[in-house]
């Protein structure tokens, strides 16, 4: 039996961008990822504070990642991570709400990897998310491979059909 893992990491603002995270942004993230506040919001949805992760959290009882603040010469920046397990979907939902509130003209993307500690068929893979204030786009390694195989087979069939028509 093998252990399965899912890992990801990304930062805001992007490392080297010259921008810095503000106190307001950090405070908002602290509230949005506070499990006690999420439970309270789920119990009493009349709460005025919009909790981006409320639906996802209510289904899993888990934020799905952790984050911390670091500082460099440009100021503070936020690192979002998972170790061993995580929810890329939860992070993408939070980032979309974050961008809508603070940076509607910006975007952020991140990728993830899933793997087993023993090499298993279908035990490795990954994906990526591209997020704006309006939408989240995902790509998953398995779906991409499946789509490429289907397209290849379709192209080969069309090629064979054309060759058969031309020889008739």
Protein backbone atom coordinates (compact mmCIF):
# COMPACT_ATOMS: atom_id res chain seq x y z
CA UNK A 1 0.00 0.00 0.00
CA UNK A 2 1.31 3.43 -0.83
CA UNK A 3 0.73 6.89 0.58
CA UNK A 4 -0.65 9.58 -1.71
CA UNK A 5 0.34 13.24 -1.57
CA UNK A 6 -0.75 16.51 -3.15
CA UNK A 7 1.51 19.54 -2.91
CA UNK A 8 1.45 23.12 -4.15
CA UNK A 9 2.84 26.53 -3.34
CA UNK A 10 2.43 30.05 -4.66
CA UNK A 11 3.03 33.58 -3.48
CA UNK A 12 1.29 36.96 -3.54
CA UNK A 13 2.43 39.30 -4.85
CA UNK A 14 4.51 37.23 -7.23
CA UNK A 15 8.10 37.03 -6.02
CA UNK A 16 10.20 39.69 -7.69
CA UNK A 17 7.23 41.82 -8.78
CA UNK A 18 8.29 44.71 -6.57
CA UNK A 19 4.83 44.85 -4.98
CA UNK A 20 4.03 44.15 -1.34
CA UNK A 21 1.05 42.70 0.51
CA UNK A 22 -0.85 45.23 2.59
CA UNK A 23 -2.05 44.94 6.17
CA UNK A 24 -5.64 45.06 4.91
CA UNK A 25 -5.00 42.10 2.58
CA UNK A 26 -3.32 40.10 5.34
CA UNK A 27 -6.13 40.86 7.81
CA UNK A 28 -8.72 39.80 5.22
CA UNK A 29 -6.90 36.49 4.63
CA UNK A 30 -6.70 35.87 8.38
CA UNK A 31 -10.48 36.29 8.65
CA UNK A 32 -11.24 34.26 5.52
CA UNK A 33 -9.17 31.27 6.66
CA UNK A 34 -10.11 31.38 10.35
CA UNK A 35 -11.87 28.07 11.03
CA UNK A 36 -13.85 29.42 13.99
CA UNK A 37 -15.23 32.23 11.82
CA UNK A 38 -15.99 29.77 9.03
CA UNK A 39 -17.94 27.51 11.42
CA UNK A 40 -19.83 30.55 12.79
CA UNK A 41 -20.66 31.74 9.27
CA UNK A 42 -21.96 28.30 8.31
CA UNK A 43 -24.14 28.18 11.45
CA UNK A 44 -25.51 31.71 10.88
CA UNK A 45 -25.25 32.70 7.23
CA UNK A 46 -26.91 36.03 8.01
CA UNK A 47 -23.45 37.11 9.16
CA UNK A 48 -22.58 40.18 7.07
CA UNK A 49 -18.95 39.15 6.42
CA UNK A 50 -18.63 37.37 3.08
CA UNK A 51 -16.67 34.18 3.60
CA UNK A 52 -15.21 32.99 0.29
CA UNK A 53 -14.49 29.48 1.56
CA UNK A 54 -17.79 28.90 3.39
CA UNK A 55 -19.28 26.45 0.86
CA UNK A 56 -16.05 24.53 0.33
CA UNK A 57 -15.34 24.45 4.07
CA UNK A 58 -18.87 23.27 4.93
CA UNK A 59 -18.33 20.23 2.68
CA UNK A 60 -14.90 19.29 4.00
CA UNK A 61 -14.33 20.90 7.44
CA UNK A 62 -10.91 21.87 6.15
CA UNK A 63 -9.44 25.04 4.66
CA UNK A 64 -7.22 22.90 2.42
CA UNK A 65 -3.95 24.80 2.66
CA UNK A 66 -2.02 27.02 4.97
CA UNK A 67 -0.35 30.37 4.46
CA UNK A 68 2.12 32.66 6.15
CA UNK A 69 3.67 36.08 5.62
CA UNK A 70 7.32 36.63 4.79
CA UNK A 71 9.20 39.85 4.28
CA UNK A 72 11.93 40.93 1.88
CA UNK A 73 13.38 44.25 0.69
CA UNK A 74 10.08 45.11 -1.08
CA UNK A 75 7.89 44.46 1.96
CA UNK A 76 5.57 41.65 2.97
CA UNK A 77 4.41 38.84 0.75
CA UNK A 78 2.13 35.87 1.31
CA UNK A 79 3.07 32.24 0.74
CA UNK A 80 0.24 29.74 0.20
CA UNK A 81 1.23 26.07 0.61
CA UNK A 82 0.21 22.52 1.14
CA UNK A 83 2.35 19.67 2.37
CA UNK A 84 1.34 16.06 1.84
CA UNK A 85 -2.27 17.04 1.11
CA UNK A 86 -4.18 20.12 0.10
CA UNK A 87 -7.06 21.48 -1.89
CA UNK A 88 -6.07 23.43 -4.99
CA UNK A 89 -9.76 24.18 -5.52
CA UNK A 90 -10.09 25.84 -2.11
CA UNK A 91 -7.02 27.97 -2.72
CA UNK A 92 -8.28 29.00 -6.18
CA UNK A 93 -11.66 30.01 -4.68
CA UNK A 94 -9.94 32.15 -2.05
CA UNK A 95 -7.56 33.77 -4.56
CA UNK A 96 -10.48 34.63 -6.87
CA UNK A 97 -12.28 36.40 -3.99
CA UNK A 98 -9.01 38.07 -2.95
CA UNK A 99 -8.41 39.40 -6.45
CA UNK A 100 -12.02 40.58 -6.76
CA UNK A 101 -11.72 42.53 -3.51
CA UNK A 102 -8.21 43.95 -3.83
CA UNK A 103 -6.84 43.54 -7.37
CA UNK A 104 -9.61 43.13 -9.97
CA UNK A 105 -7.16 43.83 -12.80
CA UNK A 106 -4.57 41.20 -11.76
CA UNK A 107 -4.23 37.45 -12.06
CA UNK A 108 -2.44 34.64 -10.28
CA UNK A 109 -1.65 31.08 -11.20
CA UNK A 110 -0.23 28.07 -9.48
CA UNK A 111 0.39 24.41 -10.16
CA UNK A 112 0.22 21.28 -8.07
CA UNK A 113 1.57 17.77 -8.09
CA UNK A 114 0.10 14.58 -6.78
CA UNK A 115 2.16 11.48 -6.31
CA UNK A 116 2.53 8.23 -4.41
CA UNK A 117 5.54 7.21 -2.38
CA UNK A 118 5.51 3.95 -4.39
CA UNK A 119 5.40 4.20 -8.15
CA UNK A 120 1.85 3.17 -9.06
CA UNK A 121 0.03 3.35 -12.36
CA UNK A 122 -2.02 6.55 -12.36
CA UNK A 123 -0.37 7.55 -9.08
CA UNK A 124 1.36 10.64 -10.40
CA UNK A 125 0.00 13.75 -12.01
CA UNK A 126 -0.76 17.34 -11.47
CA UNK A 127 -2.54 20.36 -12.67
CA UNK A 128 -2.64 24.12 -12.72
CA UNK A 129 -5.06 26.95 -12.06
CA UNK A 130 -5.15 30.40 -13.62
CA UNK A 131 -7.25 32.81 -11.58
CA UNK A 132 -8.67 36.28 -12.19
CA UNK A 133 -11.26 38.24 -10.24
CA UNK A 134 -13.91 36.85 -12.61
CA UNK A 135 -12.96 33.23 -13.27
CA UNK A 136 -10.86 30.20 -12.48
CA UNK A 137 -9.45 28.03 -15.26
CA UNK A 138 -8.07 24.59 -14.45
CA UNK A 139 -6.02 22.07 -16.35
CA UNK A 140 -5.41 18.57 -15.05
CA UNK A 141 -2.73 16.24 -16.38
CA UNK A 142 -5.08 13.25 -16.73
CA UNK A 143 -7.75 15.22 -18.56
CA UNK A 144 -5.19 16.81 -20.85
CA UNK A 145 -3.69 13.41 -21.74
CA UNK A 146 -7.16 11.92 -22.33
CA UNK A 147 -8.12 14.83 -24.60
CA UNK A 148 -4.87 14.54 -26.57
CA UNK A 149 -5.37 10.78 -27.05
CA UNK A 150 -8.96 11.31 -28.22
CA UNK A 151 -7.89 14.04 -30.64
CA UNK A 152 -5.04 11.89 -31.98
CA UNK A 153 -7.38 8.95 -32.59
CA UNK A 154 -9.93 11.23 -34.27
CA UNK A 155 -7.23 12.75 -36.50
CA UNK A 156 -5.93 9.27 -37.42
CA UNK A 157 -9.46 8.06 -38.23
CA UNK A 158 -10.07 11.11 -40.44
CA UNK A 159 -6.70 10.56 -42.14
CA UNK A 160 -7.55 6.90 -42.81
CA UNK A 161 -11.04 7.83 -44.06
CA UNK A 162 -9.50 10.37 -46.47
CA UNK A 163 -6.96 7.83 -47.70
CA UNK A 164 -9.71 5.24 -48.24
CA UNK A 165 -11.86 7.80 -50.13
CA UNK A 166 -8.94 8.82 -52.32
CA UNK A 167 -8.13 5.22 -53.28
CA UNK A 168 -11.77 4.38 -54.20
